[in-house]
Amino acid sequence: GRFAPQSGGAVLIESGETAVLVTAT
């Protein structure tokens, strides 16, 4: 709910200081 509001679905997944933004449209 924080990133990429116009994509179909978006999640920022993090572990340690590694962060990956994944979107599906």
mmCIF file of all heavy atoms, coordinates in Angstrom:
data_MODEL
# 
_entry.id   MODEL 
# 
loop_
_atom_site.group_PDB 
_atom_site.id 
_atom_site.type_symbol 
_atom_site.label_atom_id 
_atom_site.label_alt_id 
_atom_site.label_comp_id 
_atom_site.label_asym_id 
_atom_site.label_entity_id 
_atom_site.label_seq_id 
_atom_site.pdbx_PDB_ins_code 
_atom_site.Cartn_x 
_atom_site.Cartn_y 
_atom_site.Cartn_z 
_atom_site.occupancy 
_atom_site.B_iso_or_equiv 
_atom_site.pdbx_formal_charge 
_atom_site.auth_seq_id 
_atom_site.auth_comp_id 
_atom_site.auth_asym_id 
_atom_site.auth_atom_id 
_atom_site.pdbx_PDB_model_num 
ATOM 1   N N   . GLY A 1 1  ? 0.786  -1.225  0.000   1.00 0.00 ? 1  GLY A N   1 
ATOM 2   C CA  . GLY A 1 1  ? 0.000  0.000   0.000   1.00 0.00 ? 1  GLY A CA  1 
ATOM 3   C C   . GLY A 1 1  ? 0.818  1.274   0.000   1.00 0.00 ? 1  GLY A C   1 
ATOM 4   O O   . GLY A 1 1  ? 0.258  2.367   0.042   1.00 0.00 ? 1  GLY A O   1 
ATOM 5   N N   . ARG A 1 2  ? 2.146  1.155   -0.053  1.00 0.00 ? 2  ARG A N   1 
ATOM 6   C CA  . ARG A 1 2  ? 2.990  2.353   -0.032  1.00 0.00 ? 2  ARG A CA  1 
ATOM 7   C C   . ARG A 1 2  ? 3.546  2.682   -1.421  1.00 0.00 ? 2  ARG A C   1 
ATOM 8   O O   . ARG A 1 2  ? 3.691  3.854   -1.763  1.00 0.00 ? 2  ARG A O   1 
ATOM 9   C CB  . ARG A 1 2  ? 4.152  2.156   0.946   1.00 0.00 ? 2  ARG A CB  1 
ATOM 10  C CG  . ARG A 1 2  ? 5.075  3.365   1.062   1.00 0.00 ? 2  ARG A CG  1 
ATOM 11  C CD  . ARG A 1 2  ? 6.261  3.097   1.978   1.00 0.00 ? 2  ARG A CD  1 
ATOM 12  N NE  . ARG A 1 2  ? 5.829  2.779   3.336   1.00 0.00 ? 2  ARG A NE  1 
ATOM 13  C CZ  . ARG A 1 2  ? 6.665  2.373   4.287   1.00 0.00 ? 2  ARG A CZ  1 
ATOM 14  N NH1 . ARG A 1 2  ? 7.960  2.211   4.027   1.00 0.00 ? 2  ARG A NH1 1 
ATOM 15  N NH2 . ARG A 1 2  ? 6.203  2.103   5.499   1.00 0.00 ? 2  ARG A NH2 1 
ATOM 16  N N   . PHE A 1 3  ? 3.830  1.667   -2.224  1.00 0.00 ? 3  PHE A N   1 
ATOM 17  C CA  . PHE A 1 3  ? 4.522  1.880   -3.493  1.00 0.00 ? 3  PHE A CA  1 
ATOM 18  C C   . PHE A 1 3  ? 3.650  1.451   -4.674  1.00 0.00 ? 3  PHE A C   1 
ATOM 19  O O   . PHE A 1 3  ? 2.801  0.576   -4.563  1.00 0.00 ? 3  PHE A O   1 
ATOM 20  C CB  . PHE A 1 3  ? 5.829  1.077   -3.528  1.00 0.00 ? 3  PHE A CB  1 
ATOM 21  C CG  . PHE A 1 3  ? 6.795  1.417   -2.421  1.00 0.00 ? 3  PHE A CG  1 
ATOM 22  C CD1 . PHE A 1 3  ? 6.874  0.632   -1.277  1.00 0.00 ? 3  PHE A CD1 1 
ATOM 23  C CD2 . PHE A 1 3  ? 7.626  2.519   -2.523  1.00 0.00 ? 3  PHE A CD2 1 
ATOM 24  C CE1 . PHE A 1 3  ? 7.750  0.936   -0.257  1.00 0.00 ? 3  PHE A CE1 1 
ATOM 25  C CE2 . PHE A 1 3  ? 8.510  2.829   -1.508  1.00 0.00 ? 3  PHE A CE2 1 
ATOM 26  C CZ  . PHE A 1 3  ? 8.573  2.042   -0.369  1.00 0.00 ? 3  PHE A CZ  1 
ATOM 27  N N   . ALA A 1 4  ? 3.917  2.067   -5.834  1.00 0.00 ? 4  ALA A N   1 
ATOM 28  C CA  . ALA A 1 4  ? 3.326  1.697   -7.131  1.00 0.00 ? 4  ALA A CA  1 
ATOM 29  C C   . ALA A 1 4  ? 1.808  1.547   -7.066  1.00 0.00 ? 4  ALA A C   1 
ATOM 30  O O   . ALA A 1 4  ? 1.265  0.466   -7.321  1.00 0.00 ? 4  ALA A O   1 
ATOM 31  C CB  . ALA A 1 4  ? 3.975  0.405   -7.646  1.00 0.00 ? 4  ALA A CB  1 
ATOM 32  N N   . PRO A 1 5  ? 1.081  2.620   -6.771  1.00 0.00 ? 5  PRO A N   1 
ATOM 33  C CA  . PRO A 1 5  ? -0.371 2.508   -6.586  1.00 0.00 ? 5  PRO A CA  1 
ATOM 34  C C   . PRO A 1 5  ? -1.140 2.177   -7.862  1.00 0.00 ? 5  PRO A C   1 
ATOM 35  O O   . PRO A 1 5  ? -2.271 1.693   -7.768  1.00 0.00 ? 5  PRO A O   1 
ATOM 36  C CB  . PRO A 1 5  ? -0.769 3.888   -6.046  1.00 0.00 ? 5  PRO A CB  1 
ATOM 37  C CG  . PRO A 1 5  ? 0.317  4.815   -6.505  1.00 0.00 ? 5  PRO A CG  1 
ATOM 38  C CD  . PRO A 1 5  ? 1.565  3.996   -6.498  1.00 0.00 ? 5  PRO A CD  1 
ATOM 39  N N   . GLN A 1 6  ? -0.568 2.430   -9.056  1.00 0.00 ? 6  GLN A N   1 
ATOM 40  C CA  . GLN A 1 6  ? -1.311 2.156   -10.287 1.00 0.00 ? 6  GLN A CA  1 
ATOM 41  C C   . GLN A 1 6  ? -1.037 0.765   -10.854 1.00 0.00 ? 6  GLN A C   1 
ATOM 42  O O   . GLN A 1 6  ? -1.652 0.373   -11.851 1.00 0.00 ? 6  GLN A O   1 
ATOM 43  C CB  . GLN A 1 6  ? -1.001 3.219   -11.345 1.00 0.00 ? 6  GLN A CB  1 
ATOM 44  C CG  . GLN A 1 6  ? -1.514 4.599   -10.968 1.00 0.00 ? 6  GLN A CG  1 
ATOM 45  C CD  . GLN A 1 6  ? -1.495 5.544   -12.140 1.00 0.00 ? 6  GLN A CD  1 
ATOM 46  O OE1 . GLN A 1 6  ? -2.379 5.505   -13.009 1.00 0.00 ? 6  GLN A OE1 1 
ATOM 47  N NE2 . GLN A 1 6  ? -0.497 6.408   -12.173 1.00 0.00 ? 6  GLN A NE2 1 
ATOM 48  N N   . SER A 1 7  ? -0.109 0.035   -10.257 1.00 0.00 ? 7  SER A N   1 
ATOM 49  C CA  . SER A 1 7  ? 0.090  -1.348  -10.681 1.00 0.00 ? 7  SER A CA  1 
ATOM 50  C C   . SER A 1 7  ? -1.066 -2.194  -10.170 1.00 0.00 ? 7  SER A C   1 
ATOM 51  O O   . SER A 1 7  ? -1.820 -1.782  -9.290  1.00 0.00 ? 7  SER A O   1 
ATOM 52  C CB  . SER A 1 7  ? 1.418  -1.880  -10.133 1.00 0.00 ? 7  SER A CB  1 
ATOM 53  O OG  . SER A 1 7  ? 1.382  -1.935  -8.715  1.00 0.00 ? 7  SER A OG  1 
ATOM 54  N N   . GLY A 1 8  ? -1.198 -3.394  -10.726 1.00 0.00 ? 8  GLY A N   1 
ATOM 55  C CA  . GLY A 1 8  ? -2.270 -4.262  -10.242 1.00 0.00 ? 8  GLY A CA  1 
ATOM 56  C C   . GLY A 1 8  ? -2.081 -4.647  -8.790  1.00 0.00 ? 8  GLY A C   1 
ATOM 57  O O   . GLY A 1 8  ? -3.023 -4.691  -8.003  1.00 0.00 ? 8  GLY A O   1 
ATOM 58  N N   . GLY A 1 9  ? -0.853 -4.955  -8.414  1.00 0.00 ? 9  GLY A N   1 
ATOM 59  C CA  . GLY A 1 9  ? -0.509 -5.291  -7.038  1.00 0.00 ? 9  GLY A CA  1 
ATOM 60  C C   . GLY A 1 9  ? 0.962  -5.041  -6.831  1.00 0.00 ? 9  GLY A C   1 
ATOM 61  O O   . GLY A 1 9  ? 1.772  -5.263  -7.736  1.00 0.00 ? 9  GLY A O   1 
ATOM 62  N N   . ALA A 1 10 ? 1.356  -4.554  -5.667  1.00 0.00 ? 10 ALA A N   1 
ATOM 63  C CA  . ALA A 1 10 ? 2.760  -4.220  -5.404  1.00 0.00 ? 10 ALA A CA  1 
ATOM 64  C C   . ALA A 1 10 ? 3.098  -4.519  -3.960  1.00 0.00 ? 10 ALA A C   1 
ATOM 65  O O   . ALA A 1 10 ? 2.293  -4.292  -3.052  1.00 0.00 ? 10 ALA A O   1 
ATOM 66  C CB  . ALA A 1 10 ? 3.030  -2.745  -5.712  1.00 0.00 ? 10 ALA A CB  1 
ATOM 67  N N   . VAL A 1 11 ? 4.319  -5.034  -3.752  1.00 0.00 ? 11 VAL A N   1 
ATOM 68  C CA  . VAL A 1 11 ? 4.800  -5.300  -2.408  1.00 0.00 ? 11 VAL A CA  1 
ATOM 69  C C   . VAL A 1 11 ? 6.291  -5.010  -2.365  1.00 0.00 ? 11 VAL A C   1 
ATOM 70  O O   . VAL A 1 11 ? 7.025  -5.301  -3.309  1.00 0.00 ? 11 VAL A O   1 
ATOM 71  C CB  . VAL A 1 11 ? 4.520  -6.767  -1.991  1.00 0.00 ? 11 VAL A CB  1 
ATOM 72  C CG1 . VAL A 1 11 ? 5.175  -7.752  -2.954  1.00 0.00 ? 11 VAL A CG1 1 
ATOM 73  C CG2 . VAL A 1 11 ? 4.999  -7.030  -0.572  1.00 0.00 ? 11 VAL A CG2 1 
ATOM 74  N N   . LEU A 1 12 ? 6.732  -4.386  -1.281  1.00 0.00 ? 12 LEU A N   1 
ATOM 75  C CA  . LEU A 1 12 ? 8.156  -4.239  -1.014  1.00 0.00 ? 12 LEU A CA  1 
ATOM 76  C C   . LEU A 1 12 ? 8.524  -5.336  -0.029  1.00 0.00 ? 12 LEU A C   1 
ATOM 77  O O   . LEU A 1 12 ? 8.017  -5.374  1.089   1.00 0.00 ? 12 LEU A O   1 
ATOM 78  C CB  . LEU A 1 12 ? 8.476  -2.869  -0.415  1.00 0.00 ? 12 LEU A CB  1 
ATOM 79  C CG  . LEU A 1 12 ? 9.977  -2.605  -0.191  1.00 0.00 ? 12 LEU A CG  1 
ATOM 80  C CD1 . LEU A 1 12 ? 10.678 -2.359  -1.532  1.00 0.00 ? 12 LEU A CD1 1 
ATOM 81  C CD2 . LEU A 1 12 ? 10.195 -1.416  0.739   1.00 0.00 ? 12 LEU A CD2 1 
ATOM 82  N N   . ILE A 1 13 ? 9.390  -6.243  -0.458  1.00 0.00 ? 13 ILE A N   1 
ATOM 83  C CA  . ILE A 1 13 ? 9.797  -7.357  0.395   1.00 0.00 ? 13 ILE A CA  1 
ATOM 84  C C   . ILE A 1 13 ? 11.251 -7.144  0.794   1.00 0.00 ? 13 ILE A C   1 
ATOM 85  O O   . ILE A 1 13 ? 12.108 -6.888  -0.058  1.00 0.00 ? 13 ILE A O   1 
ATOM 86  C CB  . ILE A 1 13 ? 9.567  -8.718  -0.305  1.00 0.00 ? 13 ILE A CB  1 
ATOM 87  C CG1 . ILE A 1 13 ? 9.956  -9.874  0.616   1.00 0.00 ? 13 ILE A CG1 1 
ATOM 88  C CG2 . ILE A 1 13 ? 10.253 -8.808  -1.638  1.00 0.00 ? 13 ILE A CG2 1 
ATOM 89  C CD1 . ILE A 1 13 ? 9.451  -11.231 0.137   1.00 0.00 ? 13 ILE A CD1 1 
ATOM 90  N N   . GLU A 1 14 ? 11.504 -7.210  2.115   1.00 0.00 ? 14 GLU A N   1 
ATOM 91  C CA  . GLU A 1 14 ? 12.822 -6.866  2.644   1.00 0.00 ? 14 GLU A CA  1 
ATOM 92  C C   . GLU A 1 14 ? 13.335 -7.937  3.590   1.00 0.00 ? 14 GLU A C   1 
ATOM 93  O O   . GLU A 1 14 ? 12.562 -8.622  4.262   1.00 0.00 ? 14 GLU A O   1 
ATOM 94  C CB  . GLU A 1 14 ? 12.767 -5.547  3.422   1.00 0.00 ? 14 GLU A CB  1 
ATOM 95  C CG  . GLU A 1 14 ? 12.271 -4.348  2.633   1.00 0.00 ? 14 GLU A CG  1 
ATOM 96  C CD  . GLU A 1 14 ? 12.062 -3.152  3.531   1.00 0.00 ? 14 GLU A CD  1 
ATOM 97  O OE1 . GLU A 1 14 ? 13.044 -2.421  3.786   1.00 0.00 ? 14 GLU A OE1 1 
ATOM 98  O OE2 . GLU A 1 14 ? 10.922 -2.964  3.991   1.00 0.00 ? 14 GLU A OE2 1 
ATOM 99  N N   . SER A 1 15 ? 14.660 -8.045  3.618   1.00 0.00 ? 15 SER A N   1 
ATOM 100 C CA  . SER A 1 15 ? 15.337 -8.851  4.626   1.00 0.00 ? 15 SER A CA  1 
ATOM 101 C C   . SER A 1 15 ? 16.707 -8.234  4.817   1.00 0.00 ? 15 SER A C   1 
ATOM 102 O O   . SER A 1 15 ? 17.418 -7.982  3.826   1.00 0.00 ? 15 SER A O   1 
ATOM 103 C CB  . SER A 1 15 ? 15.456 -10.314 4.194   1.00 0.00 ? 15 SER A CB  1 
ATOM 104 O OG  . SER A 1 15 ? 16.062 -11.091 5.211   1.00 0.00 ? 15 SER A OG  1 
ATOM 105 N N   . GLY A 1 16 ? 17.090 -7.971  6.068   1.00 0.00 ? 16 GLY A N   1 
ATOM 106 C CA  . GLY A 1 16 ? 18.311 -7.203  6.283   1.00 0.00 ? 16 GLY A CA  1 
ATOM 107 C C   . GLY A 1 16 ? 18.153 -5.841  5.633   1.00 0.00 ? 16 GLY A C   1 
ATOM 108 O O   . GLY A 1 16 ? 17.143 -5.167  5.807   1.00 0.00 ? 16 GLY A O   1 
ATOM 109 N N   . GLU A 1 17 ? 19.157 -5.428  4.855   1.00 0.00 ? 17 GLU A N   1 
ATOM 110 C CA  . GLU A 1 17 ? 19.074 -4.164  4.119   1.00 0.00 ? 17 GLU A CA  1 
ATOM 111 C C   . GLU A 1 17 ? 18.829 -4.389  2.632   1.00 0.00 ? 17 GLU A C   1 
ATOM 112 O O   . GLU A 1 17 ? 19.027 -3.484  1.822   1.00 0.00 ? 17 GLU A O   1 
ATOM 113 C CB  . GLU A 1 17 ? 20.352 -3.349  4.333   1.00 0.00 ? 17 GLU A CB  1 
ATOM 114 C CG  . GLU A 1 17 ? 20.513 -2.870  5.777   1.00 0.00 ? 17 GLU A CG  1 
ATOM 115 C CD  . GLU A 1 17 ? 21.714 -1.963  5.946   1.00 0.00 ? 17 GLU A CD  1 
ATOM 116 O OE1 . GLU A 1 17 ? 22.526 -1.878  5.010   1.00 0.00 ? 17 GLU A OE1 1 
ATOM 117 O OE2 . GLU A 1 17 ? 21.841 -1.345  7.008   1.00 0.00 ? 17 GLU A OE2 1 
ATOM 118 N N   . THR A 1 18 ? 18.414 -5.592  2.283   1.00 0.00 ? 18 THR A N   1 
ATOM 119 C CA  . THR A 1 18 ? 18.034 -5.893  0.898   1.00 0.00 ? 18 THR A CA  1 
ATOM 120 C C   . THR A 1 18 ? 16.537 -5.683  0.744   1.00 0.00 ? 18 THR A C   1 
ATOM 121 O O   . THR A 1 18 ? 15.740 -6.203  1.534   1.00 0.00 ? 18 THR A O   1 
ATOM 122 C CB  . THR A 1 18 ? 18.416 -7.331  0.525   1.00 0.00 ? 18 THR A CB  1 
ATOM 123 O OG1 . THR A 1 18 ? 19.836 -7.464  0.550   1.00 0.00 ? 18 THR A OG1 1 
ATOM 124 C CG2 . THR A 1 18 ? 17.910 -7.687  -0.862  1.00 0.00 ? 18 THR A CG2 1 
ATOM 125 N N   . ALA A 1 19 ? 16.152 -4.901  -0.261  1.00 0.00 ? 19 ALA A N   1 
ATOM 126 C CA  . ALA A 1 19 ? 14.743 -4.584  -0.497  1.00 0.00 ? 19 ALA A CA  1 
ATOM 127 C C   . ALA A 1 19 ? 14.425 -4.739  -1.974  1.00 0.00 ? 19 ALA A C   1 
ATOM 128 O O   . ALA A 1 19 ? 15.128 -4.185  -2.828  1.00 0.00 ? 19 ALA A O   1 
ATOM 129 C CB  . ALA A 1 19 ? 14.422 -3.159  -0.035  1.00 0.00 ? 19 ALA A CB  1 
ATOM 130 N N   . VAL A 1 20 ? 13.361 -5.485  -2.275  1.00 0.00 ? 20 VAL A N   1 
ATOM 131 C CA  . VAL A 1 20 ? 12.943 -5.719  -3.656  1.00 0.00 ? 20 VAL A CA  1 
ATOM 132 C C   . VAL A 1 20 ? 11.487 -5.300  -3.801  1.00 0.00 ? 20 VAL A C   1 
ATOM 133 O O   . VAL A 1 20 ? 10.621 -5.757  -3.040  1.00 0.00 ? 20 VAL A O   1 
ATOM 134 C CB  . VAL A 1 20 ? 13.101 -7.206  -4.040  1.00 0.00 ? 20 VAL A CB  1 
ATOM 135 C CG1 . VAL A 1 20 ? 12.759 -7.401  -5.521  1.00 0.00 ? 20 VAL A CG1 1 
ATOM 136 C CG2 . VAL A 1 20 ? 14.502 -7.706  -3.748  1.00 0.00 ? 20 VAL A CG2 1 
ATOM 137 N N   . LEU A 1 21 ? 11.220 -4.423  -4.760  1.00 0.00 ? 21 LEU A N   1 
ATOM 138 C CA  . LEU A 1 21 ? 9.851  -4.035  -5.088  1.00 0.00 ? 21 LEU A CA  1 
ATOM 139 C C   . LEU A 1 21 ? 9.346  -4.952  -6.194  1.00 0.00 ? 21 LEU A C   1 
ATOM 140 O O   . LEU A 1 21 ? 9.960  -5.031  -7.268  1.00 0.00 ? 21 LEU A O   1 
ATOM 141 C CB  . LEU A 1 21 ? 9.799  -2.579  -5.554  1.00 0.00 ? 21 LEU A CB  1 
ATOM 142 C CG  . LEU A 1 21 ? 8.421  -2.078  -6.007  1.00 0.00 ? 21 LEU A CG  1 
ATOM 143 C CD1 . LEU A 1 21 ? 7.436  -2.053  -4.849  1.00 0.00 ? 21 LEU A CD1 1 
ATOM 144 C CD2 . LEU A 1 21 ? 8.539  -0.696  -6.651  1.00 0.00 ? 21 LEU A CD2 1 
ATOM 145 N N   . VAL A 1 22 ? 8.244  -5.651  -5.930  1.00 0.00 ? 22 VAL A N   1 
ATOM 146 C CA  . VAL A 1 22 ? 7.677  -6.579  -6.913  1.00 0.00 ? 22 VAL A CA  1 
ATOM 147 C C   . VAL A 1 22 ? 6.268  -6.126  -7.253  1.00 0.00 ? 22 VAL A C   1 
ATOM 148 O O   . VAL A 1 22 ? 5.439  -5.908  -6.355  1.00 0.00 ? 22 VAL A O   1 
ATOM 149 C CB  . VAL A 1 22 ? 7.659  -8.022  -6.392  1.00 0.00 ? 22 VAL A CB  1 
ATOM 150 C CG1 . VAL A 1 22 ? 7.277  -8.979  -7.524  1.00 0.00 ? 22 VAL A CG1 1 
ATOM 151 C CG2 . VAL A 1 22 ? 9.003  -8.422  -5.801  1.00 0.00 ? 22 VAL A CG2 1 
ATOM 152 N N   . THR A 1 23 ? 5.998  -5.987  -8.537  1.00 0.00 ? 23 THR A N   1 
ATOM 153 C CA  . THR A 1 23 ? 4.665  -5.592  -8.996  1.00 0.00 ? 23 THR A CA  1 
ATOM 154 C C   . THR A 1 23 ? 4.113  -6.624  -9.967  1.00 0.00 ? 23 THR A C   1 
ATOM 155 O O   . THR A 1 23 ? 4.872  -7.317  -10.656 1.00 0.00 ? 23 THR A O   1 
ATOM 156 C CB  . THR A 1 23 ? 4.699  -4.223  -9.704  1.00 0.00 ? 23 THR A CB  1 
ATOM 157 O OG1 . THR A 1 23 ? 5.490  -4.341  -10.903 1.00 0.00 ? 23 THR A OG1 1 
ATOM 158 C CG2 . THR A 1 23 ? 5.296  -3.154  -8.804  1.00 0.00 ? 23 THR A CG2 1 
ATOM 159 N N   . ALA A 1 24 ? 2.794  -6.721  -10.016 1.00 0.00 ? 24 ALA A N   1 
ATOM 160 C CA  . ALA A 1 24 ? 2.115  -7.592  -10.980 1.00 0.00 ? 24 ALA A CA  1 
ATOM 161 C C   . ALA A 1 24 ? 0.967  -6.808  -11.593 1.00 0.00 ? 24 ALA A C   1 
ATOM 162 O O   . ALA A 1 24 ? 0.190  -6.166  -10.878 1.00 0.00 ? 24 ALA A O   1 
ATOM 163 C CB  . ALA A 1 24 ? 1.598  -8.853  -10.300 1.00 0.00 ? 24 ALA A CB  1 
ATOM 164 N N   . THR A 1 25 ? 0.883  -6.868  -12.925 1.00 0.00 ? 25 THR A N   1 
ATOM 165 C CA  . THR A 1 25 ? -0.150 -6.109  -13.634 1.00 0.00 ? 25 THR A CA  1 
ATOM 166 C C   . THR A 1 25 ? -0.734 -6.984  -14.734 1.00 0.00 ? 25 THR A C   1 
ATOM 167 O O   . THR A 1 25 ? 0.000  -7.704  -15.423 1.00 0.00 ? 25 THR A O   1 
ATOM 168 C CB  . THR A 1 25 ? 0.441  -4.826  -14.244 1.00 0.00 ? 25 THR A CB  1 
ATOM 169 O OG1 . THR A 1 25 ? 1.118  -4.091  -13.227 1.00 0.00 ? 25 THR A OG1 1 
ATOM 170 C CG2 . THR A 1 25 ? -0.644 -3.964  -14.860 1.00 0.00 ? 25 THR A CG2 1 
# 
